[in-house]
Amino acid sequence: MSRPIHSKYGYEPPEWVQVDAQLDKWCKDKKRRAKRKRRKQHAKDKKMPLS
């Protein structure tokens, strides 16, 4: 059995630490994409008609 590694969630096996890191990265990227989408939609809503 491998030795537990201290992570931000406590002591866990190395496999769990790797999965946690991937999940954290995925959540952060998803949040970033949602923010970018909201910003684009806001800019689109602010455009004035030319007539």
C-alpha atoms as a PDB file:
ATOM      1  CA  MET A   1       0.000   0.000   0.000  1.00  0.00           C
ATOM      2  CA  SER A   2       1.303   3.444  -0.849  1.00  0.00           C
ATOM      3  CA  ARG A   3       1.883   6.117   1.737  1.00  0.00           C
ATOM      4  CA  PRO A   4      -0.811   8.790   2.156  1.00  0.00           C
ATOM      5  CA  ILE A   5       0.040  12.266   0.917  1.00  0.00           C
ATOM      6  CA  HIS A   6      -0.995  15.417   2.740  1.00  0.00           C
ATOM      7  CA  SER A   7      -3.258  17.429   0.459  1.00  0.00           C
ATOM      8  CA  LYS A   8      -5.641  20.298   1.052  1.00  0.00           C
ATOM      9  CA  TYR A   9      -8.293  17.698   1.951  1.00  0.00           C
ATOM     10  CA  GLY A  10      -6.136  15.866   4.495  1.00  0.00           C
ATOM     11  CA  TYR A  11      -4.057  12.695   4.150  1.00  0.00           C
ATOM     12  CA  GLU A  12      -5.067  10.678   1.085  1.00  0.00           C
ATOM     13  CA  PRO A  13      -3.626   8.022  -1.222  1.00  0.00           C
ATOM     14  CA  PRO A  14      -1.688   9.394  -4.227  1.00  0.00           C
ATOM     15  CA  GLU A  15      -4.441   8.304  -6.642  1.00  0.00           C
ATOM     16  CA  TRP A  16      -7.043  10.376  -4.788  1.00  0.00           C
ATOM     17  CA  VAL A  17      -4.756  13.410  -4.728  1.00  0.00           C
ATOM     18  CA  GLN A  18      -4.330  13.168  -8.511  1.00  0.00           C
ATOM     19  CA  VAL A  19      -8.096  12.843  -9.062  1.00  0.00           C
ATOM     20  CA  ASP A  20      -8.781  15.781  -6.721  1.00  0.00           C
ATOM     21  CA  ALA A  21      -6.330  17.940  -8.672  1.00  0.00           C
ATOM     22  CA  GLN A  22      -7.986  17.062 -11.978  1.00  0.00           C
ATOM     23  CA  LEU A  23     -11.442  17.769 -10.543  1.00  0.00           C
ATOM     24  CA  ASP A  24     -10.332  21.124  -9.122  1.00  0.00           C
ATOM     25  CA  LYS A  25      -8.841  22.087 -12.486  1.00  0.00           C
ATOM     26  CA  TRP A  26     -12.047  21.063 -14.299  1.00  0.00           C
ATOM     27  CA  CYS A  27     -14.257  23.087 -11.908  1.00  0.00           C
ATOM     28  CA  LYS A  28     -12.031  26.159 -12.216  1.00  0.00           C
ATOM     29  CA  ASP A  29     -12.056  25.921 -16.024  1.00  0.00           C
ATOM     30  CA  LYS A  30     -15.842  25.489 -16.097  1.00  0.00           C
ATOM     31  CA  LYS A  31     -16.308  28.551 -13.895  1.00  0.00           C
ATOM     32  CA  ARG A  32     -13.955  30.567 -16.132  1.00  0.00           C
ATOM     33  CA  ARG A  33     -15.872  29.543 -19.284  1.00  0.00           C
ATOM     34  CA  ALA A  34     -19.205  30.496 -17.692  1.00  0.00           C
ATOM     35  CA  LYS A  35     -17.842  33.923 -16.742  1.00  0.00           C
ATOM     36  CA  ARG A  36     -16.585  34.487 -20.302  1.00  0.00           C
ATOM     37  CA  LYS A  37     -19.980  33.460 -21.710  1.00  0.00           C
ATOM     38  CA  ARG A  38     -21.811  35.905 -19.398  1.00  0.00           C
ATOM     39  CA  ARG A  39     -19.438  38.697 -20.409  1.00  0.00           C
ATOM     40  CA  LYS A  40     -20.026  38.040 -24.131  1.00  0.00           C
ATOM     41  CA  GLN A  41     -23.803  37.951 -23.624  1.00  0.00           C
ATOM     42  CA  HIS A  42     -23.696  41.241 -21.712  1.00  0.00           C
ATOM     43  CA  ALA A  43     -21.708  42.911 -24.507  1.00  0.00           C
ATOM     44  CA  LYS A  44     -24.161  41.534 -27.051  1.00  0.00           C
ATOM     45  CA  ASP A  45     -27.134  42.931 -25.079  1.00  0.00           C
ATOM     46  CA  LYS A  46     -25.523  46.383 -24.825  1.00  0.00           C
ATOM     47  CA  LYS A  47     -25.239  46.867 -28.619  1.00  0.00           C
ATOM     48  CA  MET A  48     -27.541  49.602 -29.901  1.00  0.00           C
ATOM     49  CA  PRO A  49     -29.472  49.336 -33.173  1.00  0.00           C
ATOM     50  CA  LEU A  50     -28.202  51.610 -35.955  1.00  0.00           C
ATOM     51  CA  SER A  51     -31.612  53.025 -36.992  1.00  0.00           C
END
